[in-house]
Amino acid sequence: MSIHEYYTTNYTKCQKCDNFLCTWQGLAFTSHSITVVVLPFHLLGGYCILFKTPVYMTFYRWPLFNLHFWSSLVDILLSVLITPYLIFPAVAGFPVGLLHFLGVPIPVQIWLSIMSIYVMIMSMTILLENRHNSIPSNRFRISRKCTKILYYSFRIILALFYSLAIFLFIPEDQKMAMMEILKDIPCPTEDFFKIQKVKCRSSKDLLNHINCNSVPNALYRTESAKEKGETAYPDDKASVCGHNVLQTPYFFKIQKADELFVLCIDDNYITFLALITALGVLFEICQMLFFMFCCLYYLFLSIHGFTSKKTRKLQIAFFGSIILQVSIPVMFLMPSFVFMVFSVVTGYYNQALTNFAVLHASLHGFLSTIVVLIIHKPYRNFILSIFGKSKNLESLKKSTMWDTRRMSVFPTNVTN
């Protein structure tokens, strides 16, 4: 059975989702609208980090901006540049973002999204490692530049291998892959078939939109119009491709199958990908936990390496702000991740919830930006000064020139 035949026979018995969020138009409109609102916050966050960071936070500025940049980029990719219309539990979907309309190939978009998400996660580790290295008595500090370069190069190489390995088992026959998916998801949304409504005023107009090989599909749609009470033109029938076809104001045309991209249909390989992904996430989490526990140990238990109580208190304050900044977006991403894993493992299909999960995930960078602007006093004061509720900009500018020797929260000489 072809895709055309499935749509005109089996699919007519399905109960379709009429929810606006089930459609790709609903996903695109909602995500693009959200971008219009959150983009100014991303720009404001970047501006504050680059130009309103005081001198005593200079060593902290670039790791913070690195995380902000990649979090914002992932948000923008998900919401406006790629906007993936995912079909879970199948490993399939299609993009409806700006890059798709610019003609960027779907595999390139997939690779770009995977690498961006990984680098964003790595930027969280870099931020924690920066705090970890700022404790002078920490014997686990990565002090040598060459060691740090090798460490991060190794992680990037692993990410490159993973991002390329997912393309090893792309089905050559995408139509056949779609039919395999329909065995597990017999009633997807109409967007699975990439349906387009075409208005036809005459048999000549109809011929311009259909291929003679797909006349049975056109016959089904047009002849069913009379049964459903839809408007038919007075000219009862017209000859199309040697067949008599009832003229109606419109019919549905199925687009070519490569509009939907199926990444993989092999269950064993899907399981392998899921396992590798889980191990990769676990690897990143273990690194974050290592840096966190080292910081906790030297900040609260082994405190003899600090030059003063004030330095230690500032270190603790910065460490707390970083934990908050990293943990809140991660926790915000968890519901989307858990739902997608649940969908794949159990075979549960709900397009509205899948689209909502994508929208939910695309807001994590916005939440991270809000946290940065609130928890760091220099940025908070700058925001308040815009509304005239804090000290003026001139006094705020002077406050960024504090003496780093007195206020530094970064590596200092260890005293006995």
Protein backbone atom coordinates (compact mmCIF):
# COMPACT_ATOMS: atom_id res chain seq x y z
CA MET A 1 0.00 0.00 0.00
CA SER A 2 1.32 3.43 -0.94
CA ILE A 3 1.11 6.57 1.19
CA HIS A 4 -1.61 7.89 -1.13
CA GLU A 5 -3.69 4.73 -0.75
CA TYR A 6 -3.25 4.68 3.03
CA TYR A 7 -4.45 8.26 3.30
CA THR A 8 -7.51 7.68 1.16
CA THR A 9 -8.53 4.40 2.85
CA ASN A 10 -7.21 3.56 6.33
CA TYR A 11 -6.68 7.15 7.44
CA THR A 12 -10.32 8.08 6.80
CA LYS A 13 -11.29 5.92 9.80
CA CYS A 14 -9.00 7.81 12.18
CA GLN A 15 -10.14 10.31 14.75
CA LYS A 16 -8.08 13.39 13.96
CA CYS A 17 -6.66 15.91 16.44
CA ASP A 18 -8.38 19.27 15.93
CA ASN A 19 -6.26 21.01 18.57
CA PHE A 20 -4.41 24.05 17.21
CA LEU A 21 -1.23 22.85 18.91
CA CYS A 22 -1.40 19.56 16.97
CA THR A 23 -0.63 21.32 13.70
CA TRP A 24 2.72 22.55 12.46
CA GLN A 25 1.14 25.97 11.94
CA GLY A 26 0.19 26.06 15.62
CA LEU A 27 3.72 25.10 16.66
CA ALA A 28 5.33 27.62 14.31
CA PHE A 29 3.01 30.51 15.21
CA THR A 30 3.35 29.95 18.96
CA SER A 31 7.13 29.47 18.97
CA HIS A 32 7.77 32.43 16.67
CA SER A 33 5.52 34.63 18.78
CA ILE A 34 7.42 33.61 21.92
CA THR A 35 10.70 34.54 20.22
CA VAL A 36 9.49 38.09 19.63
CA VAL A 37 8.95 38.43 23.39
CA VAL A 38 12.09 36.71 24.71
CA LEU A 39 14.68 37.92 22.17
CA PRO A 40 15.01 41.40 23.79
CA PHE A 41 15.73 39.69 27.13
CA HIS A 42 18.50 37.61 25.53
CA LEU A 43 20.06 40.75 24.08
CA LEU A 44 19.73 42.60 27.38
CA GLY A 45 21.36 39.70 29.24
CA GLY A 46 24.29 39.64 26.82
CA TYR A 47 24.71 43.40 27.08
CA CYS A 48 24.76 43.31 30.88
CA ILE A 49 27.33 40.50 30.98
CA LEU A 50 29.66 42.19 28.48
CA PHE A 51 29.39 45.82 29.58
CA LYS A 52 28.00 45.89 33.13
CA THR A 53 30.17 43.23 34.73
CA PRO A 54 32.29 44.85 37.49
CA VAL A 55 36.04 44.42 37.64
CA TYR A 56 35.90 41.97 40.53
CA MET A 57 33.83 39.63 38.27
CA THR A 58 36.10 39.94 35.22
CA PHE A 59 37.43 36.39 35.51
CA TYR A 60 33.83 35.21 35.65
CA ARG A 61 32.54 37.26 32.69
CA TRP A 62 33.50 35.08 29.73
CA PRO A 63 32.38 31.70 31.14
CA LEU A 64 29.10 33.38 32.07
CA PHE A 65 28.70 34.93 28.63
CA ASN A 66 29.61 31.59 27.01
CA LEU A 67 26.72 29.86 28.81
CA HIS A 68 24.35 32.74 28.06
CA PHE A 69 25.26 32.71 24.35
CA TRP A 70 24.73 28.97 23.84
CA SER A 71 21.55 28.87 25.94
CA SER A 72 20.11 31.74 23.91
CA LEU A 73 21.20 30.14 20.63
CA VAL A 74 19.53 26.83 21.50
CA ASP A 75 16.35 28.75 22.37
CA ILE A 76 16.42 30.59 19.05
CA LEU A 77 17.17 27.40 17.11
CA LEU A 78 14.24 25.57 18.67
CA SER A 79 11.80 28.45 18.42
CA VAL A 80 12.50 30.20 15.13
CA LEU A 81 15.46 28.88 13.11
CA ILE A 82 14.63 25.14 13.10
CA THR A 83 11.32 24.76 15.00
CA PRO A 84 11.21 20.94 14.84
CA TYR A 85 7.84 19.28 14.35
CA LEU A 86 8.79 15.99 16.02
CA ILE A 87 6.80 12.79 15.70
CA PHE A 88 7.38 10.64 18.77
CA PRO A 89 7.73 7.73 19.48
CA ALA A 90 9.03 7.49 15.90
CA VAL A 91 12.40 9.09 15.19
CA ALA A 92 10.97 11.37 12.52
CA GLY A 93 9.72 14.86 11.88
CA PHE A 94 10.33 17.94 9.81
CA PRO A 95 11.45 21.52 10.50
CA VAL A 96 9.14 24.50 10.05
CA GLY A 97 11.61 27.24 10.93
CA LEU A 98 13.49 29.89 9.00
CA LEU A 99 16.34 27.58 7.95
CA HIS A 100 13.88 25.22 6.25
CA PHE A 101 12.40 28.04 4.18
CA LEU A 102 15.95 29.13 3.26
CA GLY A 103 16.57 25.65 1.86
CA VAL A 104 19.03 24.33 4.45
CA PRO A 105 19.07 20.49 4.25
CA ILE A 106 17.35 18.70 7.12
CA PRO A 107 20.45 16.61 8.10
CA VAL A 108 22.43 19.83 8.47
CA GLN A 109 19.74 21.26 10.74
CA ILE A 110 19.74 18.08 12.85
CA TRP A 111 23.53 18.18 13.21
CA LEU A 112 23.45 21.88 14.08
CA SER A 113 20.84 21.35 16.80
CA ILE A 114 22.67 18.37 18.34
CA MET A 115 26.02 20.14 18.47
CA SER A 116 24.47 23.35 19.84
CA ILE A 117 22.73 21.48 22.65
CA TYR A 118 25.92 19.61 23.51
CA VAL A 119 28.06 22.77 23.55
CA MET A 120 25.42 24.43 25.74
CA ILE A 121 25.69 21.55 28.23
CA MET A 122 29.49 21.77 28.05
CA SER A 123 29.30 25.53 28.76
CA MET A 124 27.56 24.69 32.04
CA THR A 125 30.49 22.44 32.94
CA ILE A 126 32.93 25.23 31.97
CA LEU A 127 31.14 27.62 34.33
CA LEU A 128 31.36 25.14 37.21
CA GLU A 129 34.98 24.34 36.36
CA ASN A 130 35.73 28.06 36.45
CA ARG A 131 34.38 28.26 40.00
CA HIS A 132 36.23 25.06 40.84
CA ASN A 133 39.56 26.53 39.65
CA SER A 134 39.03 29.80 41.53
CA ILE A 135 39.49 28.13 44.93
CA PRO A 136 43.21 28.55 45.72
CA SER A 137 43.61 25.50 47.96
CA ASN A 138 41.86 23.12 45.54
CA ARG A 139 44.35 20.41 44.62
CA PHE A 140 42.12 19.19 41.75
CA ARG A 141 42.38 22.47 39.87
CA ILE A 142 43.11 22.25 36.14
CA SER A 143 45.93 24.74 36.25
CA ARG A 144 47.90 23.84 33.11
CA LYS A 145 46.57 25.36 29.88
CA CYS A 146 47.56 22.38 27.73
CA THR A 147 45.68 20.00 30.06
CA LYS A 148 42.55 22.10 29.78
CA ILE A 149 42.83 22.21 25.96
CA LEU A 150 43.19 18.41 25.79
CA TYR A 151 40.28 17.93 28.19
CA TYR A 152 37.81 20.03 26.21
CA SER A 153 39.13 18.85 22.82
CA PHE A 154 38.44 15.26 23.84
CA ARG A 155 34.86 16.15 24.77
CA ILE A 156 34.25 17.98 21.49
CA ILE A 157 35.63 15.02 19.50
CA LEU A 158 33.23 12.68 21.32
CA ALA A 159 30.35 15.01 20.46
CA LEU A 160 31.38 15.09 16.79
CA PHE A 161 31.47 11.28 16.60
CA TYR A 162 28.04 11.06 18.21
CA SER A 163 26.49 13.76 16.01
CA LEU A 164 27.75 11.99 12.86
CA ALA A 165 26.91 8.45 14.01
CA ILE A 166 23.18 9.19 14.10
CA PHE A 167 23.16 9.50 10.30
CA LEU A 168 24.51 6.00 9.67
CA PHE A 169 21.11 4.30 9.34
CA ILE A 170 18.96 6.84 7.53
CA PRO A 171 16.44 4.86 5.40
CA GLU A 172 17.11 5.28 1.70
CA ASP A 173 13.43 4.76 0.88
CA GLN A 174 11.65 7.39 2.95
CA LYS A 175 8.21 6.32 1.71
CA MET A 176 8.77 2.80 2.98
CA ALA A 177 10.00 4.23 6.28
CA MET A 178 6.79 6.26 6.57
CA MET A 179 4.73 3.11 6.07
CA GLU A 180 6.75 1.40 8.84
CA ILE A 181 5.94 4.29 11.17
CA LEU A 182 2.23 4.02 10.30
CA LYS A 183 2.26 0.46 11.66
CA ASP A 184 3.05 1.85 15.13
CA ILE A 185 1.25 5.20 14.74
CA PRO A 186 -1.75 4.42 12.51
CA CYS A 187 -3.46 7.76 13.13
CA PRO A 188 -0.93 10.62 13.11
CA THR A 189 -1.94 14.17 12.36
CA GLU A 190 -2.51 15.18 8.75
CA ASP A 191 0.82 17.00 8.87
CA PHE A 192 2.48 13.58 8.76
CA PHE A 193 1.30 13.29 5.16
CA LYS A 194 2.06 16.93 4.37
CA ILE A 195 -1.44 17.62 3.06
CA GLN A 196 -2.11 20.70 0.98
CA LYS A 197 -5.58 22.02 0.16
CA VAL A 198 -5.82 22.97 -3.51
CA LYS A 199 -8.78 24.82 -5.04
CA CYS A 200 -9.83 23.67 -8.49
CA ARG A 201 -12.33 25.51 -10.67
CA SER A 202 -12.19 23.26 -13.72
CA SER A 203 -10.91 19.94 -15.02
CA LYS A 204 -7.97 21.81 -16.56
CA ASP A 205 -7.17 23.37 -13.20
CA LEU A 206 -7.37 19.95 -11.60
CA LEU A 207 -4.93 18.51 -14.15
CA ASN A 208 -2.40 21.19 -13.21
CA HIS A 209 -2.25 19.88 -9.63
CA ILE A 210 -2.41 16.09 -9.90
CA ASN A 211 -0.51 13.34 -11.60
CA CYS A 212 -2.54 10.78 -13.56
CA ASN A 213 -0.99 8.03 -11.46
CA SER A 214 -2.68 9.52 -8.39
CA VAL A 215 -6.17 9.82 -9.88
CA PRO A 216 -7.66 7.28 -7.40
CA ASN A 217 -6.75 9.70 -4.64
CA ALA A 218 -8.38 12.60 -6.49
CA LEU A 219 -11.43 10.45 -7.27
CA TYR A 220 -11.86 9.60 -3.62
CA ARG A 221 -11.74 13.17 -2.46
CA THR A 222 -13.94 14.60 -5.16
CA GLU A 223 -16.61 11.87 -5.19
CA SER A 224 -16.86 11.97 -1.41
CA ALA A 225 -17.78 15.63 -1.58
CA LYS A 226 -21.36 14.87 -2.56
CA GLU A 227 -21.75 12.40 0.32
CA LYS A 228 -20.44 14.95 2.84
CA GLY A 229 -22.72 17.69 1.56
CA GLU A 230 -19.86 19.79 0.20
CA THR A 231 -20.45 22.17 -2.67
CA ALA A 232 -20.16 20.78 -6.20
CA TYR A 233 -20.25 22.78 -9.38
CA PRO A 234 -23.26 22.57 -11.73
CA ASP A 235 -21.15 20.91 -14.41
CA ASP A 236 -21.67 17.44 -12.99
CA LYS A 237 -18.49 15.68 -14.15
CA ALA A 238 -15.31 16.38 -16.05
CA SER A 239 -12.88 14.08 -17.83
CA VAL A 240 -9.49 13.95 -16.08
CA CYS A 241 -6.84 11.46 -17.16
CA GLY A 242 -9.48 9.39 -18.89
CA HIS A 243 -11.71 9.21 -15.81
CA ASN A 244 -14.93 11.00 -14.90
CA VAL A 245 -14.28 13.12 -11.84
CA LEU A 246 -16.86 15.20 -10.01
CA GLN A 247 -15.86 18.87 -9.99
CA THR A 248 -15.65 20.36 -6.50
CA PRO A 249 -14.25 23.66 -5.22
CA TYR A 250 -11.17 21.87 -3.83
CA PHE A 251 -9.39 18.62 -3.27
CA PHE A 252 -6.44 17.51 -1.14
CA LYS A 253 -3.03 16.85 -2.64
CA ILE A 254 -0.35 14.78 -0.88
CA GLN A 255 3.11 16.29 -1.09
CA LYS A 256 6.21 14.23 -1.87
CA ALA A 257 7.36 11.97 0.95
CA ASP A 258 10.74 13.63 1.50
CA GLU A 259 8.96 16.55 3.19
CA LEU A 260 8.93 14.26 6.26
CA PHE A 261 12.38 13.12 7.36
CA VAL A 262 12.71 9.69 8.98
CA LEU A 263 16.03 9.40 10.80
CA CYS A 264 15.85 5.71 11.66
CA ILE A 265 13.36 2.82 11.74
CA ASP A 266 15.62 0.05 13.05
CA ASP A 267 14.54 -0.69 16.63
CA ASN A 268 17.95 -2.03 17.64
CA TYR A 269 19.72 1.06 16.38
CA ILE A 270 17.17 3.33 18.07
CA THR A 271 17.86 1.50 21.34
CA PHE A 272 21.60 1.91 20.74
CA LEU A 273 21.19 5.65 20.13
CA ALA A 274 19.09 6.00 23.28
CA LEU A 275 21.76 4.17 25.30
CA ILE A 276 24.61 6.28 23.91
CA THR A 277 22.62 9.46 24.57
CA ALA A 278 21.91 8.39 28.15
CA LEU A 279 25.60 7.59 28.73
CA GLY A 280 26.61 10.95 27.28
CA VAL A 281 24.20 12.82 29.55
CA LEU A 282 25.43 10.77 32.53
CA PHE A 283 29.04 11.60 31.62
CA GLU A 284 28.28 15.34 31.63
CA ILE A 285 26.31 15.12 34.88
CA CYS A 286 29.18 13.28 36.60
CA GLN A 287 31.60 16.04 35.63
CA MET A 288 29.25 18.71 36.94
CA LEU A 289 28.78 16.83 40.21
CA PHE A 290 32.54 16.39 40.60
CA PHE A 291 33.18 20.13 40.29
CA MET A 292 30.25 20.91 42.57
CA PHE A 293 31.35 18.54 45.36
CA CYS A 294 34.94 19.81 45.17
CA CYS A 295 33.68 23.36 45.59
CA LEU A 296 31.47 22.37 48.51
CA TYR A 297 34.34 20.57 50.24
CA TYR A 298 36.83 23.43 49.97
CA LEU A 299 34.28 26.16 50.70
CA PHE A 300 32.74 24.57 53.80
CA LEU A 301 35.14 21.91 55.13
CA SER A 302 38.72 22.66 54.10
CA ILE A 303 38.72 26.43 54.57
CA HIS A 304 42.32 27.02 55.64
CA GLY A 305 43.43 28.11 52.13
CA PHE A 306 41.48 31.39 52.07
CA THR A 307 43.22 34.68 52.76
CA SER A 308 40.20 36.13 54.58
CA LYS A 309 36.67 35.36 55.70
CA LYS A 310 35.38 38.01 53.30
CA THR A 311 36.95 36.25 50.30
CA ARG A 312 35.44 32.95 51.38
CA LYS A 313 31.98 34.51 51.79
CA LEU A 314 32.18 36.03 48.32
CA GLN A 315 33.28 32.67 46.91
CA ILE A 316 30.29 30.99 48.56
CA ALA A 317 27.93 33.67 47.20
CA PHE A 318 29.23 33.24 43.67
CA PHE A 319 29.10 29.46 43.93
CA GLY A 320 25.47 29.62 45.08
CA SER A 321 24.51 31.90 42.18
CA ILE A 322 26.14 29.53 39.68
CA ILE A 323 24.38 26.49 41.11
CA LEU A 324 21.08 28.36 40.81
CA GLN A 325 21.89 29.51 37.30
CA VAL A 326 22.75 26.00 36.09
CA SER A 327 20.15 23.98 37.98
CA ILE A 328 17.01 26.00 37.17
CA PRO A 329 17.29 25.71 33.34
CA VAL A 330 18.26 22.02 33.67
CA MET A 331 15.22 21.35 35.85
CA PHE A 332 13.11 23.31 33.38
CA LEU A 333 14.29 21.02 30.57
CA MET A 334 13.59 17.84 32.53
CA PRO A 335 9.79 17.63 31.87
CA SER A 336 10.33 17.77 28.09
CA PHE A 337 13.13 15.21 28.26
CA VAL A 338 11.15 12.86 30.51
CA PHE A 339 8.07 13.03 28.26
CA MET A 340 10.08 12.24 25.12
CA VAL A 341 11.82 9.29 26.80
CA PHE A 342 8.46 8.05 28.09
CA SER A 343 6.96 8.38 24.60
CA VAL A 344 9.75 6.34 22.97
CA VAL A 345 9.85 3.65 25.67
CA THR A 346 6.08 3.12 25.90
CA GLY A 347 5.12 3.92 22.29
CA TYR A 348 2.76 6.68 23.45
CA TYR A 349 1.77 9.14 20.71
CA ASN A 350 0.32 12.57 21.45
CA GLN A 351 1.26 15.27 18.95
CA ALA A 352 -0.09 18.16 21.02
CA LEU A 353 2.02 17.15 24.03
CA THR A 354 5.07 16.61 21.83
CA ASN A 355 4.73 20.11 20.37
CA PHE A 356 4.18 21.51 23.87
CA ALA A 357 7.38 19.75 25.01
CA VAL A 358 9.30 21.49 22.22
CA LEU A 359 7.83 24.87 23.19
CA HIS A 360 8.59 24.21 26.86
CA ALA A 361 12.22 23.31 26.10
CA SER A 362 12.68 26.42 23.95
CA LEU A 363 12.08 28.64 27.00
CA HIS A 364 14.96 27.35 29.14
CA GLY A 365 17.40 30.00 27.85
CA PHE A 366 14.92 32.75 28.65
CA LEU A 367 14.61 31.46 32.20
CA SER A 368 18.41 31.28 32.48
CA THR A 369 18.67 34.92 31.34
CA ILE A 370 16.10 36.07 33.91
CA VAL A 371 18.02 34.24 36.65
CA VAL A 372 21.30 35.93 35.61
CA LEU A 373 19.72 39.39 35.66
CA ILE A 374 18.13 38.85 39.07
CA ILE A 375 20.74 37.02 41.15
CA HIS A 376 23.74 39.21 40.25
CA LYS A 377 23.54 42.57 41.98
CA PRO A 378 25.38 44.68 39.34
CA TYR A 379 22.96 43.55 36.62
CA ARG A 380 19.98 43.93 38.91
CA ASN A 381 21.00 47.47 39.83
CA PHE A 382 21.45 48.36 36.17
CA ILE A 383 17.95 47.10 35.31
CA LEU A 384 16.49 49.06 38.23
CA SER A 385 18.42 52.18 37.22
CA ILE A 386 16.70 52.11 33.82
CA PHE A 387 13.39 52.64 35.61
CA GLY A 388 14.87 55.21 37.98
CA LYS A 389 14.54 52.92 41.01
CA SER A 390 18.22 52.59 41.80
CA LYS A 391 21.32 54.73 41.79
CA ASN A 392 21.98 56.54 38.55
CA LEU A 393 24.09 55.09 35.78
CA GLU A 394 27.13 57.23 36.65
CA SER A 395 27.36 55.92 40.19
CA LEU A 396 26.74 52.39 38.91
CA LYS A 397 29.62 52.81 36.48
CA LYS A 398 31.92 53.90 39.31
CA SER A 399 30.91 50.89 41.35
CA THR A 400 32.33 48.61 38.65
CA MET A 401 35.82 49.98 39.33
CA TRP A 402 36.19 48.51 42.82
CA ASP A 403 39.65 47.52 43.97
CA THR A 404 40.16 43.92 42.85
CA ARG A 405 42.73 43.29 45.56
CA ARG A 406 40.14 43.94 48.25
CA MET A 407 37.10 42.40 46.57
CA SER A 408 38.53 39.61 44.41
CA VAL A 409 36.71 36.27 44.55
CA PHE A 410 39.23 34.50 42.33
CA PRO A 411 42.53 32.70 42.94
CA THR A 412 44.76 34.41 45.47
CA ASN A 413 47.92 33.43 47.26
CA VAL A 414 47.42 30.80 49.93
CA THR A 415 48.53 31.73 53.41
CA ASN A 416 49.44 29.34 56.18
